[in-house]
Amino acid sequence: MAEQTKKRPVHEVRIGSVKAAIWRNDGSNGPWHGVSFERVYRDGNEWKSSTSFGRDDLLVLAKLADQAHTWVVEQDARAETQ
C-alpha cells in the first residue's frame, strides 16, 4: 500500500500558542489560499490543539489574521506579475 502524503500548509505564522496555517488550493479559476487557525496547549504530558479561543487569544488571533492576509496579498501580487 502506498504511503499517503499529508498536505502541508504553504506558510505558517505563529504568536505564542496561536498559529495560522495558510493553504494553497487549486480551483477552476486558478489558485487561491485559505487560512486555518489553531491554539496549541499542553494537557499533562500531551500536546493538544483547539480551534476555540479565549479572551486573551483574540487580539493575537487578529494580529495573525492581519499577517496571514498580508502574506496572501503579496503572493497574489507576485502571481499577477509573472
PDB file of N, CA and C in Angstrom:
ATOM      1  N   MET A   1       0.852  -1.186   0.000  1.00  0.00           N
ATOM      2  CA  MET A   1       0.000   0.000   0.000  1.00  0.00           C
ATOM      3  C   MET A   1       0.890   1.238   0.000  1.00  0.00           C
ATOM      4  N   ALA A   2       0.591   2.206  -0.866  1.00  0.00           N
ATOM      5  CA  ALA A   2       1.383   3.431  -0.977  1.00  0.00           C
ATOM      6  C   ALA A   2       1.140   4.321   0.236  1.00  0.00           C
ATOM      7  N   GLU A   3       2.222   4.979   0.664  1.00  0.00           N
ATOM      8  CA  GLU A   3       2.106   5.886   1.801  1.00  0.00           C
ATOM      9  C   GLU A   3       1.422   7.165   1.350  1.00  0.00           C
ATOM     10  N   GLN A   4       0.401   7.583   2.087  1.00  0.00           N
ATOM     11  CA  GLN A   4      -0.338   8.791   1.736  1.00  0.00           C
ATOM     12  C   GLN A   4       0.444  10.012   2.219  1.00  0.00           C
ATOM     13  N   THR A   5       0.610  10.998   1.355  1.00  0.00           N
ATOM     14  CA  THR A   5       1.320  12.218   1.702  1.00  0.00           C
ATOM     15  C   THR A   5       0.342  13.193   2.336  1.00  0.00           C
ATOM     16  N   LYS A   6       0.701  13.681   3.523  1.00  0.00           N
ATOM     17  CA  LYS A   6      -0.150  14.643   4.204  1.00  0.00           C
ATOM     18  C   LYS A   6       0.107  16.029   3.624  1.00  0.00           C
ATOM     19  N   LYS A   7      -0.965  16.704   3.243  1.00  0.00           N
ATOM     20  CA  LYS A   7      -0.843  18.046   2.697  1.00  0.00           C
ATOM     21  C   LYS A   7      -0.366  18.985   3.803  1.00  0.00           C
ATOM     22  N   ARG A   8       0.600  19.825   3.462  1.00  0.00           N
ATOM     23  CA  ARG A   8       1.165  20.762   4.422  1.00  0.00           C
ATOM     24  C   ARG A   8       0.824  22.185   3.996  1.00  0.00           C
ATOM     25  N   PRO A   9       0.709  23.093   4.959  1.00  0.00           N
ATOM     26  CA  PRO A   9       0.463  24.485   4.603  1.00  0.00           C
ATOM     27  C   PRO A   9       1.651  25.067   3.839  1.00  0.00           C
ATOM     28  N   VAL A  10       1.377  26.061   2.989  1.00  0.00           N
ATOM     29  CA  VAL A  10       2.451  26.717   2.245  1.00  0.00           C
ATOM     30  C   VAL A  10       3.176  27.753   3.101  1.00  0.00           C
ATOM     31  N   HIS A  11       2.524  28.173   4.179  1.00  0.00           N
ATOM     32  CA  HIS A  11       3.133  29.152   5.078  1.00  0.00           C
ATOM     33  C   HIS A  11       2.420  29.085   6.422  1.00  0.00           C
ATOM     34  N   GLU A  12       3.157  29.359   7.485  1.00  0.00           N
ATOM     35  CA  GLU A  12       2.566  29.433   8.826  1.00  0.00           C
ATOM     36  C   GLU A  12       3.093  30.678   9.530  1.00  0.00           C
ATOM     37  N   VAL A  13       2.236  31.280  10.330  1.00  0.00           N
ATOM     38  CA  VAL A  13       2.661  32.357  11.222  1.00  0.00           C
ATOM     39  C   VAL A  13       2.169  31.992  12.613  1.00  0.00           C
ATOM     40  N   ARG A  14       2.988  32.308  13.608  1.00  0.00           N
ATOM     41  CA  ARG A  14       2.655  31.904  14.976  1.00  0.00           C
ATOM     42  C   ARG A  14       3.050  32.993  15.947  1.00  0.00           C
ATOM     43  N   ILE A  15       2.190  33.223  16.898  1.00  0.00           N
ATOM     44  CA  ILE A  15       2.478  34.100  18.029  1.00  0.00           C
ATOM     45  C   ILE A  15       2.085  33.323  19.276  1.00  0.00           C
ATOM     46  N   GLY A  16       3.067  33.012  20.100  1.00  0.00           N
ATOM     47  CA  GLY A  16       2.788  32.246  21.313  1.00  0.00           C
ATOM     48  C   GLY A  16       2.168  30.907  20.975  1.00  0.00           C
ATOM     49  N   SER A  17       1.016  30.640  21.553  1.00  0.00           N
ATOM     50  CA  SER A  17       0.363  29.346  21.360  1.00  0.00           C
ATOM     51  C   SER A  17      -0.673  29.352  20.243  1.00  0.00           C
ATOM     52  N   VAL A  18      -0.788  30.472  19.513  1.00  0.00           N
ATOM     53  CA  VAL A  18      -1.790  30.568  18.452  1.00  0.00           C
ATOM     54  C   VAL A  18      -1.065  30.580  17.097  1.00  0.00           C
ATOM     55  N   LYS A  19      -1.601  29.795  16.161  1.00  0.00           N
ATOM     56  CA  LYS A  19      -0.952  29.626  14.864  1.00  0.00           C
ATOM     57  C   LYS A  19      -1.969  29.778  13.741  1.00  0.00           C
ATOM     58  N   ALA A  20      -1.516  30.414  12.645  1.00  0.00           N
ATOM     59  CA  ALA A  20      -2.299  30.494  11.414  1.00  0.00           C
ATOM     60  C   ALA A  20      -1.574  29.671  10.358  1.00  0.00           C
ATOM     61  N   ALA A  21      -2.291  28.764   9.726  1.00  0.00           N
ATOM     62  CA  ALA A  21      -1.735  27.954   8.644  1.00  0.00           C
ATOM     63  C   ALA A  21      -2.398  28.395   7.344  1.00  0.00           C
ATOM     64  N   ILE A  22      -1.574  28.689   6.342  1.00  0.00           N
ATOM     65  CA  ILE A  22      -2.079  29.158   5.054  1.00  0.00           C
ATOM     66  C   ILE A  22      -1.938  28.017   4.055  1.00  0.00           C
ATOM     67  N   TRP A  23      -3.047  27.711   3.405  1.00  0.00           N
ATOM     68  CA  TRP A  23      -3.126  26.572   2.491  1.00  0.00           C
ATOM     69  C   TRP A  23      -3.346  27.052   1.069  1.00  0.00           C
ATOM     70  N   ARG A  24      -2.660  26.457   0.117  1.00  0.00           N
ATOM     71  CA  ARG A  24      -2.882  26.760  -1.295  1.00  0.00           C
ATOM     72  C   ARG A  24      -3.854  25.724  -1.853  1.00  0.00           C
ATOM     73  N   ASN A  25      -4.832  26.209  -2.568  1.00  0.00           N
ATOM     74  CA  ASN A  25      -5.825  25.355  -3.203  1.00  0.00           C
ATOM     75  C   ASN A  25      -5.873  25.699  -4.684  1.00  0.00           C
ATOM     76  N   ASP A  26      -6.099  24.702  -5.512  1.00  0.00           N
ATOM     77  CA  ASP A  26      -6.229  24.932  -6.946  1.00  0.00           C
ATOM     78  C   ASP A  26      -7.683  24.741  -7.342  1.00  0.00           C
ATOM     79  N   GLY A  27      -8.278  25.802  -7.863  1.00  0.00           N
ATOM     80  CA  GLY A  27      -9.674  25.755  -8.276  1.00  0.00           C
ATOM     81  C   GLY A  27      -9.810  25.976  -9.775  1.00  0.00           C
ATOM     82  N   SER A  28     -11.021  25.928 -10.248  1.00  0.00           N
ATOM     83  CA  SER A  28     -11.264  26.103 -11.679  1.00  0.00           C
ATOM     84  C   SER A  28     -10.895  27.508 -12.163  1.00  0.00           C
ATOM     85  N   ASN A  29     -10.878  28.483 -11.267  1.00  0.00           N
ATOM     86  CA  ASN A  29     -10.472  29.851 -11.621  1.00  0.00           C
ATOM     87  C   ASN A  29      -9.035  30.142 -11.243  1.00  0.00           C
ATOM     88  N   GLY A  30      -8.260  29.106 -10.954  1.00  0.00           N
ATOM     89  CA  GLY A  30      -6.860  29.282 -10.582  1.00  0.00           C
ATOM     90  C   GLY A  30      -6.643  29.052  -9.103  1.00  0.00           C
ATOM     91  N   PRO A  31      -5.414  29.266  -8.657  1.00  0.00           N
ATOM     92  CA  PRO A  31      -5.090  29.012  -7.244  1.00  0.00           C
ATOM     93  C   PRO A  31      -5.694  30.062  -6.316  1.00  0.00           C
ATOM     94  N   TRP A  32      -5.987  29.629  -5.106  1.00  0.00           N
ATOM     95  CA  TRP A  32      -6.462  30.531  -4.063  1.00  0.00           C
ATOM     96  C   TRP A  32      -5.963  30.009  -2.723  1.00  0.00           C
ATOM     97  N   HIS A  33      -5.977  30.860  -1.721  1.00  0.00           N
ATOM     98  CA  HIS A  33      -5.467  30.489  -0.408  1.00  0.00           C
ATOM     99  C   HIS A  33      -6.578  30.508   0.637  1.00  0.00           C
ATOM    100  N   GLY A  34      -6.497  29.570   1.545  1.00  0.00           N
ATOM    101  CA  GLY A  34      -7.375  29.523   2.708  1.00  0.00           C
ATOM    102  C   GLY A  34      -6.503  29.552   3.959  1.00  0.00           C
ATOM    103  N   VAL A  35      -7.066  29.983   5.057  1.00  0.00           N
ATOM    104  CA  VAL A  35      -6.316  30.095   6.302  1.00  0.00           C
ATOM    105  C   VAL A  35      -7.082  29.395   7.419  1.00  0.00           C
ATOM    106  N   SER A  36      -6.365  28.594   8.202  1.00  0.00           N
ATOM    107  CA  SER A  36      -6.960  27.981   9.383  1.00  0.00           C
ATOM    108  C   SER A  36      -6.179  28.442  10.611  1.00  0.00           C
ATOM    109  N   PHE A  37      -6.860  28.527  11.725  1.00  0.00           N
ATOM    110  CA  PHE A  37      -6.255  28.993  12.975  1.00  0.00           C
ATOM    111  C   PHE A  37      -6.398  27.912  14.030  1.00  0.00           C
ATOM    112  N   GLU A  38      -5.380  27.778  14.865  1.00  0.00           N
ATOM    113  CA  GLU A  38      -5.473  26.839  15.976  1.00  0.00           C
ATOM    114  C   GLU A  38      -4.643  27.338  17.145  1.00  0.00           C
ATOM    115  N   ARG A  39      -5.018  26.863  18.304  1.00  0.00           N
ATOM    116  CA  ARG A  39      -4.305  27.170  19.542  1.00  0.00           C
ATOM    117  C   ARG A  39      -3.777  25.848  20.079  1.00  0.00           C
ATOM    118  N   VAL A  40      -2.498  25.806  20.401  1.00  0.00           N
ATOM    119  CA  VAL A  40      -1.924  24.588  20.961  1.00  0.00           C
ATOM    120  C   VAL A  40      -1.772  24.761  22.469  1.00  0.00           C
ATOM    121  N   TYR A  41      -1.938  23.666  23.173  1.00  0.00           N
ATOM    122  CA  TYR A  41      -1.797  23.695  24.623  1.00  0.00           C
ATOM    123  C   TYR A  41      -1.360  22.314  25.101  1.00  0.00           C
ATOM    124  N   ARG A  42      -0.884  22.282  26.309  1.00  0.00           N
ATOM    125  CA  ARG A  42      -0.403  21.035  26.890  1.00  0.00           C
ATOM    126  C   ARG A  42      -1.389  20.556  27.945  1.00  0.00           C
ATOM    127  N   ASP A  43      -1.750  19.300  27.844  1.00  0.00           N
ATOM    128  CA  ASP A  43      -2.636  18.649  28.810  1.00  0.00           C
ATOM    129  C   ASP A  43      -1.821  17.538  29.453  1.00  0.00           C
ATOM    130  N   GLY A  44      -1.194  17.839  30.582  1.00  0.00           N
ATOM    131  CA  GLY A  44      -0.278  16.892  31.197  1.00  0.00           C
ATOM    132  C   GLY A  44       0.974  16.795  30.352  1.00  0.00           C
ATOM    133  N   ASN A  45       1.289  15.601  29.880  1.00  0.00           N
ATOM    134  CA  ASN A  45       2.455  15.405  29.015  1.00  0.00           C
ATOM    135  C   ASN A  45       2.093  15.416  27.536  1.00  0.00           C
ATOM    136  N   GLU A  46       0.828  15.609  27.230  1.00  0.00           N
ATOM    137  CA  GLU A  46       0.350  15.510  25.851  1.00  0.00           C
ATOM    138  C   GLU A  46       0.027  16.888  25.274  1.00  0.00           C
ATOM    139  N   TRP A  47       0.511  17.126  24.029  1.00  0.00           N
ATOM    140  CA  TRP A  47       0.176  18.356  23.319  1.00  0.00           C
ATOM    141  C   TRP A  47      -1.139  18.162  22.580  1.00  0.00           C
ATOM    142  N   LYS A  48      -2.002  19.155  22.674  1.00  0.00           N
ATOM    143  CA  LYS A  48      -3.300  19.124  22.006  1.00  0.00           C
ATOM    144  C   LYS A  48      -3.507  20.444  21.280  1.00  0.00           C
ATOM    145  N   SER A  49      -4.520  20.483  20.428  1.00  0.00           N
ATOM    146  CA  SER A  49      -4.835  21.733  19.740  1.00  0.00           C
ATOM    147  C   SER A  49      -6.337  21.951  19.761  1.00  0.00           C
ATOM    148  N   SER A  50      -6.698  23.198  19.603  1.00  0.00           N
ATOM    149  CA  SER A  50      -8.102  23.582  19.623  1.00  0.00           C
ATOM    150  C   SER A  50      -8.333  24.711  18.629  1.00  0.00           C
ATOM    151  N   THR A  51      -9.537  24.782  18.106  1.00  0.00           N
ATOM    152  CA  THR A  51      -9.924  25.912  17.264  1.00  0.00           C
ATOM    153  C   THR A  51     -10.845  26.865  18.025  1.00  0.00           C
ATOM    154  N   SER A  52     -10.848  26.711  19.329  1.00  0.00           N
ATOM    155  CA  SER A  52     -11.607  27.596  20.205  1.00  0.00           C
ATOM    156  C   SER A  52     -10.622  28.548  20.879  1.00  0.00           C
ATOM    157  N   PHE A  53     -11.002  29.823  20.985  1.00  0.00           N
ATOM    158  CA  PHE A  53     -10.096  30.831  21.501  1.00  0.00           C
ATOM    159  C   PHE A  53     -10.736  31.588  22.648  1.00  0.00           C
ATOM    160  N   GLY A  54      -9.944  31.890  23.653  1.00  0.00           N
ATOM    161  CA  GLY A  54     -10.414  32.644  24.804  1.00  0.00           C
ATOM    162  C   GLY A  54     -10.164  34.136  24.632  1.00  0.00           C
ATOM    163  N   ARG A  55     -10.607  34.886  25.598  1.00  0.00           N
ATOM    164  CA  ARG A  55     -10.475  36.339  25.578  1.00  0.00           C
ATOM    165  C   ARG A  55      -9.044  36.775  25.318  1.00  0.00           C
ATOM    166  N   ASP A  56      -8.087  36.155  25.975  1.00  0.00           N
ATOM    167  CA  ASP A  56      -6.692  36.565  25.848  1.00  0.00           C
ATOM    168  C   ASP A  56      -6.073  36.181  24.506  1.00  0.00           C
ATOM    169  N   ASP A  57      -6.756  35.336  23.752  1.00  0.00           N
ATOM    170  CA  ASP A  57      -6.258  34.932  22.432  1.00  0.00           C
ATOM    171  C   ASP A  57      -6.752  35.838  21.310  1.00  0.00           C
ATOM    172  N   LEU A  58      -7.782  36.612  21.551  1.00  0.00           N
ATOM    173  CA  LEU A  58      -8.467  37.299  20.459  1.00  0.00           C
ATOM    174  C   LEU A  58      -7.622  38.361  19.764  1.00  0.00           C
ATOM    175  N   LEU A  59      -6.876  39.157  20.501  1.00  0.00           N
ATOM    176  CA  LEU A  59      -6.030  40.158  19.849  1.00  0.00           C
ATOM    177  C   LEU A  59      -4.883  39.493  19.096  1.00  0.00           C
ATOM    178  N   VAL A  60      -4.357  38.404  19.651  1.00  0.00           N
ATOM    179  CA  VAL A  60      -3.317  37.634  18.962  1.00  0.00           C
ATOM    180  C   VAL A  60      -3.889  37.057  17.677  1.00  0.00           C
ATOM    181  N   LEU A  61      -5.097  36.534  17.751  1.00  0.00           N
ATOM    182  CA  LEU A  61      -5.764  35.977  16.574  1.00  0.00           C
ATOM    183  C   LEU A  61      -5.944  37.055  15.497  1.00  0.00           C
ATOM    184  N   ALA A  62      -6.329  38.255  15.906  1.00  0.00           N
ATOM    185  CA  ALA A  62      -6.492  39.358  14.957  1.00  0.00           C
ATOM    186  C   ALA A  62      -5.154  39.724  14.312  1.00  0.00           C
ATOM    187  N   LYS A  63      -4.088  39.752  15.086  1.00  0.00           N
ATOM    188  CA  LYS A  63      -2.760  40.061  14.551  1.00  0.00           C
ATOM    189  C   LYS A  63      -2.327  38.992  13.557  1.00  0.00           C
ATOM    190  N   LEU A  64      -2.569  37.723  13.876  1.00  0.00           N
ATOM    191  CA  LEU A  64      -2.219  36.636  12.960  1.00  0.00           C
ATOM    192  C   LEU A  64      -3.050  36.713  11.683  1.00  0.00           C
ATOM    193  N   ALA A  65      -4.319  37.063  11.807  1.00  0.00           N
ATOM    194  CA  ALA A  65      -5.172  37.208  10.622  1.00  0.00           C
ATOM    195  C   ALA A  65      -4.622  38.315   9.728  1.00  0.00           C
ATOM    196  N   ASP A  66      -4.153  39.399  10.329  1.00  0.00           N
ATOM    197  CA  ASP A  66      -3.562  40.500   9.574  1.00  0.00           C
ATOM    198  C   ASP A  66      -2.288  40.037   8.858  1.00  0.00           C
ATOM    199  N   GLN A  67      -1.432  39.310   9.557  1.00  0.00           N
ATOM    200  CA  GLN A  67      -0.192  38.822   8.953  1.00  0.00           C
ATOM    201  C   GLN A  67      -0.484  37.824   7.832  1.00  0.00           C
ATOM    202  N   ALA A  68      -1.456  36.938   8.045  1.00  0.00           N
ATOM    203  CA  ALA A  68      -1.828  35.968   7.013  1.00  0.00           C
ATOM    204  C   ALA A  68      -2.376  36.699   5.784  1.00  0.00           C
ATOM    205  N   HIS A  69      -3.205  37.693   6.012  1.00  0.00           N
ATOM    206  CA  HIS A  69      -3.768  38.478   4.913  1.00  0.00           C
ATOM    207  C   HIS A  69      -2.656  39.132   4.102  1.00  0.00           C
ATOM    208  N   THR A  70      -1.698  39.753   4.770  1.00  0.00           N
ATOM    209  CA  THR A  70      -0.571  40.400   4.086  1.00  0.00           C
ATOM    210  C   THR A  70       0.193  39.392   3.232  1.00  0.00           C
ATOM    211  N   TRP A  71       0.462  38.203   3.778  1.00  0.00           N
ATOM    212  CA  TRP A  71       1.207  37.189   3.042  1.00  0.00           C
ATOM    213  C   TRP A  71       0.441  36.748   1.798  1.00  0.00           C
ATOM    214  N   VAL A  72      -0.861  36.521   1.932  1.00  0.00           N
ATOM    215  CA  VAL A  72      -1.676  36.074   0.796  1.00  0.00           C
ATOM    216  C   VAL A  72      -1.734  37.157  -0.278  1.00  0.00           C
ATOM    217  N   VAL A  73      -1.934  38.401   0.117  1.00  0.00           N
ATOM    218  CA  VAL A  73      -1.989  39.505  -0.845  1.00  0.00           C
ATOM    219  C   VAL A  73      -0.654  39.630  -1.589  1.00  0.00           C
ATOM    220  N   GLU A  74       0.465  39.473  -0.877  1.00  0.00           N
ATOM    221  CA  GLU A  74       1.772  39.529  -1.524  1.00  0.00           C
ATOM    222  C   GLU A  74       1.945  38.386  -2.526  1.00  0.00           C
ATOM    223  N   GLN A  75       1.482  37.197  -2.181  1.00  0.00           N
ATOM    224  CA  GLN A  75       1.582  36.063  -3.105  1.00  0.00           C
ATOM    225  C   GLN A  75       0.733  36.295  -4.346  1.00  0.00           C
ATOM    226  N   ASP A  76      -0.467  36.831  -4.151  1.00  0.00           N
ATOM    227  CA  ASP A  76      -1.344  37.130  -5.282  1.00  0.00           C
ATOM    228  C   ASP A  76      -0.705  38.171  -6.205  1.00  0.00           C
ATOM    229  N   ALA A  77      -0.077  39.194  -5.617  1.00  0.00           N
ATOM    230  CA  ALA A  77       0.573  40.238  -6.422  1.00  0.00           C
ATOM    231  C   ALA A  77       1.737  39.653  -7.208  1.00  0.00           C
ATOM    232  N   ARG A  78       2.507  38.765  -6.597  1.00  0.00           N
ATOM    233  CA  ARG A  78       3.620  38.124  -7.306  1.00  0.00           C
ATOM    234  C   ARG A  78       3.119  37.277  -8.456  1.00  0.00           C
ATOM    235  N   ALA A  79       2.034  36.559  -8.226  1.00  0.00           N
ATOM    236  CA  ALA A  79       1.467  35.697  -9.275  1.00  0.00           C
ATOM    237  C   ALA A  79       0.973  36.524 -10.451  1.00  0.00           C
ATOM    238  N   GLU A  80       0.431  37.692 -10.188  1.00  0.00           N
ATOM    239  CA  GLU A  80      -0.078  38.553 -11.261  1.00  0.00           C
ATOM    240  C   GLU A  80       1.034  39.130 -12.116  1.00  0.00           C
ATOM    241  N   THR A  81       2.225  39.303 -11.554  1.00  0.00           N
ATOM    242  CA  THR A  81       3.328  39.891 -12.316  1.00  0.00           C
ATOM    243  C   THR A  81       4.136  38.843 -13.070  1.00  0.00           C
ATOM    244  N   GLN A  82       3.834  37.597 -12.867  1.00  0.00           N
ATOM    245  CA  GLN A  82       4.579  36.527 -13.569  1.00  0.00           C
ATOM    246  C   GLN A  82       3.920  36.162 -14.859  1.00  0.00           C
TER     247      GLN A  82
END
